[in-house]
């Protein structure tokens, strides 16, 4: 029997979107495909409040993260690390032989604009990486304010992992000065995994022309060349693209972008209030995520047993703490197409299991 997912990704996918995956294949070098591509482009730009092109990667988000640093760093990259996935970006940068430094912050603390400005004033860096929404900790970094700082440094690119935030919280790419904003569709987009979207600025594309990129597959100038033809450079993940087109039409034209963000905010507030009543929240107050809450296990419950009972008795699944937080916390995803009614039902059965 199907397990309903309240994990921080992958997320629940509506039946009509799963059905869209079975759409008959079309050739990706046809006008028919280009019409679909342009429709996706139009709605992604609306969702991200941007005039920038939004490239489609038939890969996990890790591929787009690699594209960002291999195409965008000419001098030295500064990676701000306050969770598992921001640390992954640092590892990606290092593995590609790119000059970089890591600024490590406690996982329960946000990256503060003052720290960013202090480090950029050294003049040592031409790019920074920051995670908008740390899936591992349920912490949302102040990307808007960080963007205001980065704007003071003309030669610095602002690269943002928005994997578990995009389509669940407002991101104003142009106003906030984001040069690459990337996300996989298996989280707040509520689609099957296998596709990543990434907005790219003119500033990043110009930088990429001058960087001796170490990647062929993730080469931004070549990807952009095909984007201008309303095509992907290589064979795309066609079924996921069909589903993305349908979901974006739903988000923009049926639910409404503002309504979607408000729904996520209501779900987040409900989970957060519940967590404060029965447990605690791991992340620093004031920086709690709109899409995933990392609940601190200050009661010493057996998290693995709780997850097993939820699956066996109710066919629902939440997630354990990530990495060093395993069993010290558990995570509830409140993103995608879930509703407040879904969230209330989940938390009610957790109360029953734990006799809270």
C-alpha atoms as a PDB file:
ATOM      1  CA  UNK A   1       0.000   0.000   0.000  1.00  0.00           C
ATOM      2  CA  UNK A   2       1.198   3.521  -0.807  1.00  0.00           C
ATOM      3  CA  UNK A   3       2.886   5.454   2.000  1.00  0.00           C
ATOM      4  CA  UNK A   4       1.815   9.092   2.131  1.00  0.00           C
ATOM      5  CA  UNK A   5       4.985  11.148   2.295  1.00  0.00           C
ATOM      6  CA  UNK A   6       5.540  13.887   4.849  1.00  0.00           C
ATOM      7  CA  UNK A   7       9.279  13.731   4.258  1.00  0.00           C
ATOM      8  CA  UNK A   8      11.415  16.714   3.158  1.00  0.00           C
ATOM      9  CA  UNK A   9      11.568  15.165  -0.307  1.00  0.00           C
ATOM     10  CA  UNK A  10      10.555  13.307  -2.232  1.00  0.00           C
ATOM     11  CA  UNK A  11       7.025  14.557  -1.682  1.00  0.00           C
ATOM     12  CA  UNK A  12       3.510  13.407  -2.507  1.00  0.00           C
ATOM     13  CA  UNK A  13       2.633  13.612  -6.219  1.00  0.00           C
ATOM     14  CA  UNK A  14      -0.985  14.078  -7.287  1.00  0.00           C
ATOM     15  CA  UNK A  15      -2.526  11.304  -9.410  1.00  0.00           C
ATOM     16  CA  UNK A  16      -3.087  13.575 -12.403  1.00  0.00           C
ATOM     17  CA  UNK A  17       0.609  14.473 -12.414  1.00  0.00           C
ATOM     18  CA  UNK A  18       1.622  10.821 -12.267  1.00  0.00           C
ATOM     19  CA  UNK A  19      -0.676  10.190 -15.203  1.00  0.00           C
ATOM     20  CA  UNK A  20       1.012  13.008 -17.101  1.00  0.00           C
ATOM     21  CA  UNK A  21       4.236  10.982 -17.000  1.00  0.00           C
ATOM     22  CA  UNK A  22       2.645   8.492 -19.382  1.00  0.00           C
ATOM     23  CA  UNK A  23       2.101  11.099 -22.099  1.00  0.00           C
ATOM     24  CA  UNK A  24       3.256   9.787 -25.472  1.00  0.00           C
ATOM     25  CA  UNK A  25       6.860  10.729 -26.206  1.00  0.00           C
ATOM     26  CA  UNK A  26       7.684  13.507 -28.649  1.00  0.00           C
ATOM     27  CA  UNK A  27      10.998  14.341 -30.284  1.00  0.00           C
ATOM     28  CA  UNK A  28      12.900  17.058 -28.459  1.00  0.00           C
ATOM     29  CA  UNK A  29      13.987  18.788 -31.655  1.00  0.00           C
ATOM     30  CA  UNK A  30      10.465  19.577 -32.816  1.00  0.00           C
ATOM     31  CA  UNK A  31       8.285  22.672 -32.695  1.00  0.00           C
ATOM     32  CA  UNK A  32       5.893  20.759 -30.445  1.00  0.00           C
ATOM     33  CA  UNK A  33       8.592  20.374 -27.796  1.00  0.00           C
ATOM     34  CA  UNK A  34       9.633  24.033 -28.120  1.00  0.00           C
ATOM     35  CA  UNK A  35       6.053  25.151 -27.425  1.00  0.00           C
ATOM     36  CA  UNK A  36       6.078  23.121 -24.192  1.00  0.00           C
ATOM     37  CA  UNK A  37       9.519  24.481 -23.304  1.00  0.00           C
ATOM     38  CA  UNK A  38       8.392  28.089 -23.799  1.00  0.00           C
ATOM     39  CA  UNK A  39       5.260  27.542 -21.722  1.00  0.00           C
ATOM     40  CA  UNK A  40       7.371  26.133 -18.864  1.00  0.00           C
ATOM     41  CA  UNK A  41       9.766  29.041 -19.212  1.00  0.00           C
ATOM     42  CA  UNK A  42       6.989  31.626 -18.970  1.00  0.00           C
ATOM     43  CA  UNK A  43       5.570  30.152 -15.763  1.00  0.00           C
ATOM     44  CA  UNK A  44       8.936  29.500 -14.108  1.00  0.00           C
ATOM     45  CA  UNK A  45       9.835  33.151 -14.629  1.00  0.00           C
ATOM     46  CA  UNK A  46       6.562  34.169 -12.989  1.00  0.00           C
ATOM     47  CA  UNK A  47       7.182  31.813 -10.060  1.00  0.00           C
ATOM     48  CA  UNK A  48      10.709  33.165  -9.516  1.00  0.00           C
ATOM     49  CA  UNK A  49       9.901  36.823 -10.296  1.00  0.00           C
ATOM     50  CA  UNK A  50      12.658  36.944 -12.877  1.00  0.00           C
ATOM     51  CA  UNK A  51      13.384  37.912 -16.461  1.00  0.00           C
ATOM     52  CA  UNK A  52      16.378  35.546 -16.481  1.00  0.00           C
ATOM     53  CA  UNK A  53      16.368  32.314 -18.472  1.00  0.00           C
ATOM     54  CA  UNK A  54      15.568  29.227 -16.396  1.00  0.00           C
ATOM     55  CA  UNK A  55      17.527  26.219 -17.618  1.00  0.00           C
ATOM     56  CA  UNK A  56      16.281  22.635 -17.331  1.00  0.00           C
ATOM     57  CA  UNK A  57      18.762  20.008 -16.110  1.00  0.00           C
ATOM     58  CA  UNK A  58      17.895  16.319 -16.506  1.00  0.00           C
ATOM     59  CA  UNK A  59      19.768  15.578 -13.303  1.00  0.00           C
ATOM     60  CA  UNK A  60      19.442  15.888  -9.573  1.00  0.00           C
ATOM     61  CA  UNK A  61      20.093  19.283  -8.016  1.00  0.00           C
ATOM     62  CA  UNK A  62      23.670  18.231  -7.328  1.00  0.00           C
ATOM     63  CA  UNK A  63      24.353  18.545 -11.068  1.00  0.00           C
ATOM     64  CA  UNK A  64      23.158  22.149 -11.145  1.00  0.00           C
ATOM     65  CA  UNK A  65      25.205  22.910  -8.026  1.00  0.00           C
ATOM     66  CA  UNK A  66      28.241  21.608  -9.881  1.00  0.00           C
ATOM     67  CA  UNK A  67      27.345  23.709 -12.928  1.00  0.00           C
ATOM     68  CA  UNK A  68      27.169  26.822 -10.759  1.00  0.00           C
ATOM     69  CA  UNK A  69      30.698  26.572  -9.410  1.00  0.00           C
ATOM     70  CA  UNK A  70      32.408  25.089 -12.476  1.00  0.00           C
ATOM     71  CA  UNK A  71      31.019  27.877 -14.661  1.00  0.00           C
ATOM     72  CA  UNK A  72      30.875  30.725 -12.183  1.00  0.00           C
ATOM     73  CA  UNK A  73      34.137  30.768 -10.236  1.00  0.00           C
ATOM     74  CA  UNK A  74      37.186  32.331 -11.837  1.00  0.00           C
ATOM     75  CA  UNK A  75      39.123  33.509  -8.803  1.00  0.00           C
ATOM     76  CA  UNK A  76      37.932  31.902  -5.549  1.00  0.00           C
ATOM     77  CA  UNK A  77      34.626  30.700  -4.106  1.00  0.00           C
ATOM     78  CA  UNK A  78      33.383  31.180  -0.553  1.00  0.00           C
ATOM     79  CA  UNK A  79      31.017  28.463   0.652  1.00  0.00           C
ATOM     80  CA  UNK A  80      28.828  29.264   3.654  1.00  0.00           C
ATOM     81  CA  UNK A  81      28.134  26.002   5.460  1.00  0.00           C
ATOM     82  CA  UNK A  82      25.448  25.583   8.119  1.00  0.00           C
ATOM     83  CA  UNK A  83      24.020  22.210   7.179  1.00  0.00           C
ATOM     84  CA  UNK A  84      24.558  19.010   5.219  1.00  0.00           C
ATOM     85  CA  UNK A  85      23.691  20.403   1.805  1.00  0.00           C
ATOM     86  CA  UNK A  86      25.686  23.606   2.068  1.00  0.00           C
ATOM     87  CA  UNK A  87      28.604  21.377   3.031  1.00  0.00           C
ATOM     88  CA  UNK A  88      27.901  19.290  -0.086  1.00  0.00           C
ATOM     89  CA  UNK A  89      28.341  22.414  -2.198  1.00  0.00           C
ATOM     90  CA  UNK A  90      31.742  22.959  -0.607  1.00  0.00           C
ATOM     91  CA  UNK A  91      32.702  19.358  -1.361  1.00  0.00           C
ATOM     92  CA  UNK A  92      31.563  19.763  -4.978  1.00  0.00           C
ATOM     93  CA  UNK A  93      33.699  22.881  -5.323  1.00  0.00           C
ATOM     94  CA  UNK A  94      36.767  21.152  -3.861  1.00  0.00           C
ATOM     95  CA  UNK A  95      36.355  17.956  -5.897  1.00  0.00           C
ATOM     96  CA  UNK A  96      36.339  20.033  -9.087  1.00  0.00           C
ATOM     97  CA  UNK A  97      39.687  21.590  -8.161  1.00  0.00           C
ATOM     98  CA  UNK A  98      38.213  25.061  -7.742  1.00  0.00           C
ATOM     99  CA  UNK A  99      39.915  27.428  -5.297  1.00  0.00           C
ATOM    100  CA  UNK A 100      37.550  27.788  -2.351  1.00  0.00           C
ATOM    101  CA  UNK A 101      37.163  28.381   1.347  1.00  0.00           C
ATOM    102  CA  UNK A 102      34.527  27.195   3.783  1.00  0.00           C
ATOM    103  CA  UNK A 103      32.949  29.325   6.473  1.00  0.00           C
ATOM    104  CA  UNK A 104      31.415  26.838   8.893  1.00  0.00           C
ATOM    105  CA  UNK A 105      28.585  27.956  11.128  1.00  0.00           C
ATOM    106  CA  UNK A 106      26.723  25.947  13.755  1.00  0.00           C
ATOM    107  CA  UNK A 107      23.976  23.980  12.016  1.00  0.00           C
ATOM    108  CA  UNK A 108      21.267  25.589  14.141  1.00  0.00           C
ATOM    109  CA  UNK A 109      22.371  29.126  13.207  1.00  0.00           C
ATOM    110  CA  UNK A 110      21.581  31.184  10.099  1.00  0.00           C
ATOM    111  CA  UNK A 111      24.125  32.745   7.757  1.00  0.00           C
ATOM    112  CA  UNK A 112      24.013  36.408   8.726  1.00  0.00           C
ATOM    113  CA  UNK A 113      24.446  39.255   6.187  1.00  0.00           C
ATOM    114  CA  UNK A 114      27.045  40.901   8.425  1.00  0.00           C
ATOM    115  CA  UNK A 115      29.274  37.838   8.190  1.00  0.00           C
ATOM    116  CA  UNK A 116      28.905  37.740   4.410  1.00  0.00           C
ATOM    117  CA  UNK A 117      29.877  41.390   4.104  1.00  0.00           C
ATOM    118  CA  UNK A 118      32.859  40.944   6.401  1.00  0.00           C
ATOM    119  CA  UNK A 119      34.226  38.098   4.270  1.00  0.00           C
ATOM    120  CA  UNK A 120      33.572  39.774   0.913  1.00  0.00           C
ATOM    121  CA  UNK A 121      35.342  42.953   1.983  1.00  0.00           C
ATOM    122  CA  UNK A 122      38.614  41.007   1.772  1.00  0.00           C
ATOM    123  CA  UNK A 123      38.282  41.057  -2.021  1.00  0.00           C
ATOM    124  CA  UNK A 124      39.416  37.433  -2.177  1.00  0.00           C
ATOM    125  CA  UNK A 125      36.250  35.976  -3.706  1.00  0.00           C
ATOM    126  CA  UNK A 126      34.279  36.274  -6.930  1.00  0.00           C
ATOM    127  CA  UNK A 127      31.429  33.913  -5.947  1.00  0.00           C
ATOM    128  CA  UNK A 128      29.588  32.721  -2.853  1.00  0.00           C
ATOM    129  CA  UNK A 129      27.313  29.720  -2.317  1.00  0.00           C
ATOM    130  CA  UNK A 130      24.441  29.749   0.170  1.00  0.00           C
ATOM    131  CA  UNK A 131      21.542  27.363   0.758  1.00  0.00           C
ATOM    132  CA  UNK A 132      18.175  29.097   1.022  1.00  0.00           C
ATOM    133  CA  UNK A 133      16.460  26.324   2.935  1.00  0.00           C
ATOM    134  CA  UNK A 134      18.590  23.687   4.657  1.00  0.00           C
ATOM    135  CA  UNK A 135      16.645  20.451   4.271  1.00  0.00           C
ATOM    136  CA  UNK A 136      18.802  18.844   6.944  1.00  0.00           C
ATOM    137  CA  UNK A 137      17.968  21.379   9.666  1.00  0.00           C
ATOM    138  CA  UNK A 138      14.725  23.127   8.734  1.00  0.00           C
ATOM    139  CA  UNK A 139      16.517  26.474   8.691  1.00  0.00           C
ATOM    140  CA  UNK A 140      15.850  29.209   6.149  1.00  0.00           C
ATOM    141  CA  UNK A 141      18.738  31.607   5.548  1.00  0.00           C
ATOM    142  CA  UNK A 142      17.965  35.324   4.944  1.00  0.00           C
ATOM    143  CA  UNK A 143      18.695  35.237   1.207  1.00  0.00           C
ATOM    144  CA  UNK A 144      17.057  38.605   0.511  1.00  0.00           C
ATOM    145  CA  UNK A 145      19.296  40.417   3.006  1.00  0.00           C
ATOM    146  CA  UNK A 146      22.373  38.490   1.903  1.00  0.00           C
ATOM    147  CA  UNK A 147      21.590  39.518  -1.664  1.00  0.00           C
ATOM    148  CA  UNK A 148      21.586  43.175  -0.615  1.00  0.00           C
ATOM    149  CA  UNK A 149      25.125  42.692   0.665  1.00  0.00           C
ATOM    150  CA  UNK A 150      26.361  40.882  -2.439  1.00  0.00           C
ATOM    151  CA  UNK A 151      25.065  43.710  -4.655  1.00  0.00           C
ATOM    152  CA  UNK A 152      27.758  45.942  -3.134  1.00  0.00           C
ATOM    153  CA  UNK A 153      30.448  43.775  -4.753  1.00  0.00           C
ATOM    154  CA  UNK A 154      30.127  43.979  -8.542  1.00  0.00           C
ATOM    155  CA  UNK A 155      32.426  41.050  -9.303  1.00  0.00           C
ATOM    156  CA  UNK A 156      30.825  38.569  -6.867  1.00  0.00           C
ATOM    157  CA  UNK A 157      28.281  35.998  -8.071  1.00  0.00           C
ATOM    158  CA  UNK A 158      25.471  34.985  -5.723  1.00  0.00           C
ATOM    159  CA  UNK A 159      24.752  31.236  -6.124  1.00  0.00           C
ATOM    160  CA  UNK A 160      21.729  29.885  -4.247  1.00  0.00           C
ATOM    161  CA  UNK A 161      20.546  26.323  -3.596  1.00  0.00           C
ATOM    162  CA  UNK A 162      16.766  26.690  -3.231  1.00  0.00           C
ATOM    163  CA  UNK A 163      16.098  22.956  -3.492  1.00  0.00           C
ATOM    164  CA  UNK A 164      13.575  22.558  -0.668  1.00  0.00           C
ATOM    165  CA  UNK A 165      12.262  26.114  -0.838  1.00  0.00           C
ATOM    166  CA  UNK A 166      11.399  26.887  -4.459  1.00  0.00           C
ATOM    167  CA  UNK A 167       7.644  26.668  -5.164  1.00  0.00           C
ATOM    168  CA  UNK A 168       6.994  26.704  -1.417  1.00  0.00           C
ATOM    169  CA  UNK A 169       8.221  30.141  -0.403  1.00  0.00           C
ATOM    170  CA  UNK A 170       8.677  33.456  -2.172  1.00  0.00           C
ATOM    171  CA  UNK A 171      11.942  33.905  -4.072  1.00  0.00           C
ATOM    172  CA  UNK A 172      12.451  37.150  -6.002  1.00  0.00           C
ATOM    173  CA  UNK A 173      15.463  36.272  -8.107  1.00  0.00           C
ATOM    174  CA  UNK A 174      15.930  39.643  -9.820  1.00  0.00           C
ATOM    175  CA  UNK A 175      15.181  41.879  -6.831  1.00  0.00           C
ATOM    176  CA  UNK A 176      17.482  39.833  -4.590  1.00  0.00           C
ATOM    177  CA  UNK A 177      20.323  39.720  -7.120  1.00  0.00           C
ATOM    178  CA  UNK A 178      20.584  35.922  -7.377  1.00  0.00           C
ATOM    179  CA  UNK A 179      22.851  34.771 -10.202  1.00  0.00           C
ATOM    180  CA  UNK A 180      21.883  31.112 -10.064  1.00  0.00           C
ATOM    181  CA  UNK A 181      18.833  29.858  -8.200  1.00  0.00           C
ATOM    182  CA  UNK A 182      18.378  26.099  -8.496  1.00  0.00           C
ATOM    183  CA  UNK A 183      15.950  23.455  -7.277  1.00  0.00           C
ATOM    184  CA  UNK A 184      14.972  19.876  -7.948  1.00  0.00           C
ATOM    185  CA  UNK A 185      11.283  19.322  -8.663  1.00  0.00           C
ATOM    186  CA  UNK A 186      10.836  16.459  -6.173  1.00  0.00           C
ATOM    187  CA  UNK A 187      10.286  18.758  -3.198  1.00  0.00           C
ATOM    188  CA  UNK A 188       7.958  21.783  -3.075  1.00  0.00           C
ATOM    189  CA  UNK A 189       7.097  21.403  -6.772  1.00  0.00           C
ATOM    190  CA  UNK A 190       5.552  18.031  -5.767  1.00  0.00           C
ATOM    191  CA  UNK A 191       6.778  16.169  -8.849  1.00  0.00           C
ATOM    192  CA  UNK A 192       8.741  12.948  -9.414  1.00  0.00           C
ATOM    193  CA  UNK A 193      12.523  13.320  -9.148  1.00  0.00           C
ATOM    194  CA  UNK A 194      14.778  13.614 -12.179  1.00  0.00           C
ATOM    195  CA  UNK A 195      14.613  17.256 -13.216  1.00  0.00           C
ATOM    196  CA  UNK A 196      16.228  20.416 -11.863  1.00  0.00           C
ATOM    197  CA  UNK A 197      15.441  24.007 -12.805  1.00  0.00           C
ATOM    198  CA  UNK A 198      17.954  26.842 -12.455  1.00  0.00           C
ATOM    199  CA  UNK A 199      17.660  30.527 -13.267  1.00  0.00           C
ATOM    200  CA  UNK A 200      20.887  32.023 -14.608  1.00  0.00           C
ATOM    201  CA  UNK A 201      21.755  35.702 -14.769  1.00  0.00           C
ATOM    202  CA  UNK A 202      23.445  37.541 -17.613  1.00  0.00           C
ATOM    203  CA  UNK A 203      26.316  38.192 -15.222  1.00  0.00           C
ATOM    204  CA  UNK A 204      26.813  34.454 -14.663  1.00  0.00           C
ATOM    205  CA  UNK A 205      26.557  33.668 -18.378  1.00  0.00           C
ATOM    206  CA  UNK A 206      29.210  36.287 -19.155  1.00  0.00           C
ATOM    207  CA  UNK A 207      31.471  34.871 -16.444  1.00  0.00           C
ATOM    208  CA  UNK A 208      30.981  31.371 -17.820  1.00  0.00           C
ATOM    209  CA  UNK A 209      32.297  32.496 -21.204  1.00  0.00           C
ATOM    210  CA  UNK A 210      35.607  33.415 -19.569  1.00  0.00           C
ATOM    211  CA  UNK A 211      35.982  30.429 -17.222  1.00  0.00           C
ATOM    212  CA  UNK A 212      37.772  27.307 -18.381  1.00  0.00           C
ATOM    213  CA  UNK A 213      34.839  25.126 -17.357  1.00  0.00           C
ATOM    214  CA  UNK A 214      35.773  21.628 -16.279  1.00  0.00           C
ATOM    215  CA  UNK A 215      32.417  20.207 -17.344  1.00  0.00           C
ATOM    216  CA  UNK A 216      31.051  19.250 -20.746  1.00  0.00           C
ATOM    217  CA  UNK A 217      27.595  18.128 -19.691  1.00  0.00           C
ATOM    218  CA  UNK A 218      27.062  21.063 -17.296  1.00  0.00           C
ATOM    219  CA  UNK A 219      28.501  23.721 -19.582  1.00  0.00           C
ATOM    220  CA  UNK A 220      26.313  26.832 -19.161  1.00  0.00           C
ATOM    221  CA  UNK A 221      27.200  28.610 -22.437  1.00  0.00           C
ATOM    222  CA  UNK A 222      26.308  25.462 -24.387  1.00  0.00           C
ATOM    223  CA  UNK A 223      23.133  24.927 -22.374  1.00  0.00           C
ATOM    224  CA  UNK A 224      22.130  28.536 -22.965  1.00  0.00           C
ATOM    225  CA  UNK A 225      22.785  28.228 -26.700  1.00  0.00           C
ATOM    226  CA  UNK A 226      20.087  25.553 -26.935  1.00  0.00           C
ATOM    227  CA  UNK A 227      17.824  27.413 -24.509  1.00  0.00           C
ATOM    228  CA  UNK A 228      17.711  30.247 -27.022  1.00  0.00           C
ATOM    229  CA  UNK A 229      16.229  27.736 -29.490  1.00  0.00           C
ATOM    230  CA  UNK A 230      13.619  26.692 -26.880  1.00  0.00           C
ATOM    231  CA  UNK A 231      15.336  23.336 -26.550  1.00  0.00           C
ATOM    232  CA  UNK A 232      17.483  21.410 -24.123  1.00  0.00           C
ATOM    233  CA  UNK A 233      21.037  20.729 -25.191  1.00  0.00           C
ATOM    234  CA  UNK A 234      20.862  16.974 -24.723  1.00  0.00           C
ATOM    235  CA  UNK A 235      17.993  14.483 -24.576  1.00  0.00           C
ATOM    236  CA  UNK A 236      15.732  15.711 -21.766  1.00  0.00           C
ATOM    237  CA  UNK A 237      13.720  13.855 -19.137  1.00  0.00           C
ATOM    238  CA  UNK A 238      10.588  14.089 -21.253  1.00  0.00           C
ATOM    239  CA  UNK A 239       7.999  12.618 -18.843  1.00  0.00           C
ATOM    240  CA  UNK A 240       9.109  14.927 -16.030  1.00  0.00           C
ATOM    241  CA  UNK A 241       8.929  17.898 -18.394  1.00  0.00           C
ATOM    242  CA  UNK A 242       5.322  17.034 -19.302  1.00  0.00           C
ATOM    243  CA  UNK A 243       4.475  16.832 -15.596  1.00  0.00           C
ATOM    244  CA  UNK A 244       6.317  20.082 -14.837  1.00  0.00           C
ATOM    245  CA  UNK A 245       4.312  21.915 -17.505  1.00  0.00           C
ATOM    246  CA  UNK A 246       1.031  20.705 -16.000  1.00  0.00           C
ATOM    247  CA  UNK A 247       2.064  21.499 -12.423  1.00  0.00           C
ATOM    248  CA  UNK A 248       3.286  24.992 -13.294  1.00  0.00           C
ATOM    249  CA  UNK A 249      -0.011  25.702 -15.037  1.00  0.00           C
ATOM    250  CA  UNK A 250      -1.779  24.601 -11.844  1.00  0.00           C
ATOM    251  CA  UNK A 251       0.477  26.687  -9.571  1.00  0.00           C
ATOM    252  CA  UNK A 252       0.296  29.861 -11.646  1.00  0.00           C
ATOM    253  CA  UNK A 253      -3.221  29.741 -13.075  1.00  0.00           C
ATOM    254  CA  UNK A 254      -5.306  27.625 -10.666  1.00  0.00           C
ATOM    255  CA  UNK A 255      -3.940  27.758  -7.131  1.00  0.00           C
ATOM    256  CA  UNK A 256      -2.127  31.058  -7.637  1.00  0.00           C
ATOM    257  CA  UNK A 257       1.474  31.742  -6.627  1.00  0.00           C
ATOM    258  CA  UNK A 258       0.559  33.948  -3.647  1.00  0.00           C
ATOM    259  CA  UNK A 259      -2.009  31.423  -2.402  1.00  0.00           C
ATOM    260  CA  UNK A 260       0.536  28.622  -2.654  1.00  0.00           C
ATOM    261  CA  UNK A 261       3.029  30.501  -0.514  1.00  0.00           C
ATOM    262  CA  UNK A 262       0.327  31.378   2.031  1.00  0.00           C
ATOM    263  CA  UNK A 263      -0.737  27.721   2.265  1.00  0.00           C
ATOM    264  CA  UNK A 264       2.853  26.700   2.965  1.00  0.00           C
ATOM    265  CA  UNK A 265       3.127  29.402   5.624  1.00  0.00           C
ATOM    266  CA  UNK A 266      -0.001  28.163   7.392  1.00  0.00           C
ATOM    267  CA  UNK A 267       1.213  24.559   7.368  1.00  0.00           C
ATOM    268  CA  UNK A 268       4.602  25.665   8.693  1.00  0.00           C
ATOM    269  CA  UNK A 269       3.102  27.693  11.529  1.00  0.00           C
ATOM    270  CA  UNK A 270       0.897  24.785  12.579  1.00  0.00           C
ATOM    271  CA  UNK A 271       3.794  22.320  12.687  1.00  0.00           C
ATOM    272  CA  UNK A 272       6.049  24.813  14.463  1.00  0.00           C
ATOM    273  CA  UNK A 273       3.442  25.561  17.159  1.00  0.00           C
ATOM    274  CA  UNK A 274       2.924  21.830  17.649  1.00  0.00           C
ATOM    275  CA  UNK A 275       6.666  21.230  17.916  1.00  0.00           C
ATOM    276  CA  UNK A 276       7.022  23.948  20.542  1.00  0.00           C
ATOM    277  CA  UNK A 277       4.163  22.444  22.558  1.00  0.00           C
ATOM    278  CA  UNK A 278       5.475  18.875  22.610  1.00  0.00           C
ATOM    279  CA  UNK A 279       9.199  19.059  21.725  1.00  0.00           C
ATOM    280  CA  UNK A 280      11.377  21.923  20.482  1.00  0.00           C
ATOM    281  CA  UNK A 281      12.613  23.282  17.158  1.00  0.00           C
ATOM    282  CA  UNK A 282      16.235  22.719  16.222  1.00  0.00           C
ATOM    283  CA  UNK A 283      16.837  25.833  14.109  1.00  0.00           C
ATOM    284  CA  UNK A 284      17.445  29.314  15.418  1.00  0.00           C
ATOM    285  CA  UNK A 285      14.221  31.198  16.092  1.00  0.00           C
ATOM    286  CA  UNK A 286      13.370  33.697  13.391  1.00  0.00           C
ATOM    287  CA  UNK A 287      14.814  31.494  10.652  1.00  0.00           C
ATOM    288  CA  UNK A 288      12.363  28.590  10.626  1.00  0.00           C
ATOM    289  CA  UNK A 289      11.585  27.033   7.272  1.00  0.00           C
ATOM    290  CA  UNK A 290       8.264  27.325   5.449  1.00  0.00           C
ATOM    291  CA  UNK A 291       8.612  23.808   4.024  1.00  0.00           C
ATOM    292  CA  UNK A 292      10.291  21.509   6.558  1.00  0.00           C
ATOM    293  CA  UNK A 293      10.546  21.557  10.355  1.00  0.00           C
ATOM    294  CA  UNK A 294      13.385  19.822  12.157  1.00  0.00           C
ATOM    295  CA  UNK A 295      11.916  18.887  15.534  1.00  0.00           C
ATOM    296  CA  UNK A 296      14.435  18.493  18.327  1.00  0.00           C
ATOM    297  CA  UNK A 297      14.045  15.203  20.162  1.00  0.00           C
ATOM    298  CA  UNK A 298      14.312  16.651  23.646  1.00  0.00           C
ATOM    299  CA  UNK A 299      12.013  13.933  25.015  1.00  0.00           C
ATOM    300  CA  UNK A 300      14.398  11.136  24.041  1.00  0.00           C
ATOM    301  CA  UNK A 301      11.857   9.174  22.005  1.00  0.00           C
ATOM    302  CA  UNK A 302      12.918   6.317  19.746  1.00  0.00           C
ATOM    303  CA  UNK A 303      12.702   8.082  16.370  1.00  0.00           C
ATOM    304  CA  UNK A 304      13.202   4.930  14.296  1.00  0.00           C
ATOM    305  CA  UNK A 305      10.368   3.228  16.173  1.00  0.00           C
ATOM    306  CA  UNK A 306       8.087   6.231  15.643  1.00  0.00           C
ATOM    307  CA  UNK A 307       8.778   6.190  11.899  1.00  0.00           C
ATOM    308  CA  UNK A 308       8.149   2.429  11.729  1.00  0.00           C
ATOM    309  CA  UNK A 309       4.863   2.735  13.607  1.00  0.00           C
ATOM    310  CA  UNK A 310       3.671   5.550  11.359  1.00  0.00           C
ATOM    311  CA  UNK A 311       4.400   3.422   8.298  1.00  0.00           C
ATOM    312  CA  UNK A 312       3.012   0.145   9.635  1.00  0.00           C
ATOM    313  CA  UNK A 313      -0.106   1.502  11.314  1.00  0.00           C
ATOM    314  CA  UNK A 314      -1.018   4.559   9.232  1.00  0.00           C
ATOM    315  CA  UNK A 315       0.896   4.307   5.911  1.00  0.00           C
ATOM    316  CA  UNK A 316       2.511   7.696   6.395  1.00  0.00           C
ATOM    317  CA  UNK A 317       6.209   8.510   6.551  1.00  0.00           C
ATOM    318  CA  UNK A 318       8.272  11.274   8.152  1.00  0.00           C
ATOM    319  CA  UNK A 319      12.075  11.533   8.209  1.00  0.00           C
ATOM    320  CA  UNK A 320      14.713  10.965  10.854  1.00  0.00           C
ATOM    321  CA  UNK A 321      17.271  13.643  11.607  1.00  0.00           C
ATOM    322  CA  UNK A 322      19.951  13.977   8.929  1.00  0.00           C
ATOM    323  CA  UNK A 323      23.601  13.033   9.487  1.00  0.00           C
ATOM    324  CA  UNK A 324      24.743  13.971  12.966  1.00  0.00           C
ATOM    325  CA  UNK A 325      21.138  14.781  13.897  1.00  0.00           C
ATOM    326  CA  UNK A 326      19.926  11.208  13.367  1.00  0.00           C
ATOM    327  CA  UNK A 327      17.742  10.202  16.351  1.00  0.00           C
ATOM    328  CA  UNK A 328      18.442  13.607  17.924  1.00  0.00           C
ATOM    329  CA  UNK A 329      15.672  15.078  15.799  1.00  0.00           C
ATOM    330  CA  UNK A 330      12.991  14.151  13.307  1.00  0.00           C
ATOM    331  CA  UNK A 331      11.785  16.099  10.297  1.00  0.00           C
ATOM    332  CA  UNK A 332       8.305  16.800   9.020  1.00  0.00           C
ATOM    333  CA  UNK A 333       7.931  17.994   5.456  1.00  0.00           C
ATOM    334  CA  UNK A 334       5.032  20.411   4.918  1.00  0.00           C
ATOM    335  CA  UNK A 335       5.514  21.214   1.287  1.00  0.00           C
ATOM    336  CA  UNK A 336       4.241  20.600  -2.199  1.00  0.00           C
ATOM    337  CA  UNK A 337       0.526  19.896  -2.545  1.00  0.00           C
ATOM    338  CA  UNK A 338      -0.087  18.835   1.058  1.00  0.00           C
ATOM    339  CA  UNK A 339      -2.822  20.705   2.919  1.00  0.00           C
ATOM    340  CA  UNK A 340      -3.328  21.890   6.471  1.00  0.00           C
ATOM    341  CA  UNK A 341      -5.848  19.054   6.928  1.00  0.00           C
ATOM    342  CA  UNK A 342      -3.120  16.550   5.962  1.00  0.00           C
ATOM    343  CA  UNK A 343      -0.729  18.101   8.486  1.00  0.00           C
ATOM    344  CA  UNK A 344      -3.287  18.071  11.303  1.00  0.00           C
ATOM    345  CA  UNK A 345      -4.017  14.403  10.612  1.00  0.00           C
ATOM    346  CA  UNK A 346      -0.337  13.456  10.696  1.00  0.00           C
ATOM    347  CA  UNK A 347       0.380  15.248  13.953  1.00  0.00           C
ATOM    348  CA  UNK A 348      -2.736  13.769  15.518  1.00  0.00           C
ATOM    349  CA  UNK A 349      -1.562  10.207  14.859  1.00  0.00           C
ATOM    350  CA  UNK A 350       1.923  11.056  16.183  1.00  0.00           C
ATOM    351  CA  UNK A 351       0.228  12.231  19.374  1.00  0.00           C
ATOM    352  CA  UNK A 352      -1.669   8.948  19.572  1.00  0.00           C
ATOM    353  CA  UNK A 353       1.469   6.834  19.061  1.00  0.00           C
ATOM    354  CA  UNK A 354       3.481   8.781  21.634  1.00  0.00           C
ATOM    355  CA  UNK A 355       0.487   9.333  23.990  1.00  0.00           C
ATOM    356  CA  UNK A 356       1.245  13.032  24.070  1.00  0.00           C
END
